[in-house]
Amino acid sequence: MQNPFETGHIKNYLLLYASIVVIMVLFFIASTLFHEIEDVEPKVFDKNITKEIEIDTRVEDKNSTRNRFKLLEKAY
């Protein structure tokens, strides 16, 4: 294996690193230029509620003759 500092390959590594940094900077600039911030209208909720809420007061019979589930005749 050759030493990159002695053979002159270090220039290629520095160019690779510099090109990656330049590409990152270009992407950052492009993302900030084309990023449009939309103004969002705040939602306003009516705090004065005039509608009356109806409460269901019906009570269901818990011992109803009609079963909701059919049980198996034989337990496994």
Protein backbone atom coordinates (compact mmCIF):
# COMPACT_ATOMS: atom_id res chain seq x y z
CA MET A 1 0.00 0.00 0.00
CA GLN A 2 1.32 3.38 -0.95
CA ASN A 3 1.38 6.38 1.30
CA PRO A 4 -0.95 9.03 -0.21
CA PHE A 5 1.15 11.86 1.25
CA GLU A 6 4.26 10.70 -0.60
CA THR A 7 2.71 9.79 -3.95
CA GLY A 8 0.73 13.02 -4.46
CA HIS A 9 -2.73 11.46 -4.12
CA ILE A 10 -3.57 13.77 -1.26
CA LYS A 11 -4.58 16.38 -3.85
CA ASN A 12 -7.34 14.06 -5.08
CA TYR A 13 -8.65 13.53 -1.54
CA LEU A 14 -8.70 17.28 -0.89
CA LEU A 15 -10.53 17.91 -4.18
CA LEU A 16 -13.10 15.24 -3.28
CA TYR A 17 -13.64 16.80 0.15
CA ALA A 18 -13.93 20.29 -1.31
CA SER A 19 -16.40 19.16 -3.98
CA ILE A 20 -18.61 17.55 -1.31
CA VAL A 21 -18.55 20.75 0.75
CA VAL A 22 -19.42 22.85 -2.34
CA ILE A 23 -22.33 20.54 -3.20
CA MET A 24 -23.64 20.79 0.38
CA VAL A 25 -23.42 24.60 0.28
CA LEU A 26 -25.23 24.71 -3.07
CA PHE A 27 -28.04 22.50 -1.76
CA PHE A 28 -28.36 24.72 1.32
CA ILE A 29 -28.58 27.86 -0.81
CA ALA A 30 -31.09 26.26 -3.17
CA SER A 31 -33.28 25.07 -0.28
CA THR A 32 -33.34 28.53 1.31
CA LEU A 33 -34.10 30.29 -1.98
CA PHE A 34 -36.98 28.05 -3.05
CA HIS A 35 -38.48 27.56 0.42
CA GLU A 36 -41.70 29.58 0.46
CA ILE A 37 -43.29 30.12 3.84
CA GLU A 38 -47.07 30.26 3.59
CA ASP A 39 -49.06 32.47 5.92
CA VAL A 40 -51.55 30.35 7.78
CA GLU A 41 -54.67 32.05 9.08
CA PRO A 42 -55.22 31.32 12.76
CA LYS A 43 -58.42 29.48 13.53
CA VAL A 44 -60.85 31.35 15.73
CA PHE A 45 -63.19 29.28 17.85
CA ASP A 46 -66.47 30.61 19.18
CA LYS A 47 -66.18 30.73 22.95
CA ASN A 48 -69.84 31.64 23.50
CA ILE A 49 -71.68 28.38 23.12
CA THR A 50 -75.40 28.93 22.81
CA LYS A 51 -76.37 25.41 21.79
CA GLU A 52 -77.68 23.19 24.57
CA ILE A 53 -76.20 19.76 24.90
CA GLU A 54 -78.70 16.91 25.14
CA ILE A 55 -77.72 14.16 27.53
CA ASP A 56 -79.02 10.65 26.89
CA THR A 57 -80.54 9.49 30.18
CA ARG A 58 -81.85 6.13 29.02
CA VAL A 59 -80.72 3.20 31.12
CA GLU A 60 -80.37 -0.16 29.45
CA ASP A 61 -81.48 -3.23 31.32
CA LYS A 62 -78.39 -5.27 32.10
CA ASN A 63 -80.40 -8.46 32.58
CA SER A 64 -81.96 -8.40 29.16
CA THR A 65 -83.41 -11.63 27.87
CA ARG A 66 -81.73 -11.20 24.53
CA ASN A 67 -78.03 -12.11 24.68
CA ARG A 68 -75.64 -10.18 22.54
CA PHE A 69 -73.29 -13.13 22.17
CA LYS A 70 -74.01 -16.73 21.42
CA LEU A 71 -72.14 -19.09 23.71
CA LEU A 72 -70.81 -22.40 22.57
CA GLU A 73 -72.57 -25.51 23.79
CA LYS A 74 -69.31 -27.25 24.55
CA ALA A 75 -66.25 -25.60 26.13
CA TYR A 76 -62.93 -26.51 24.59
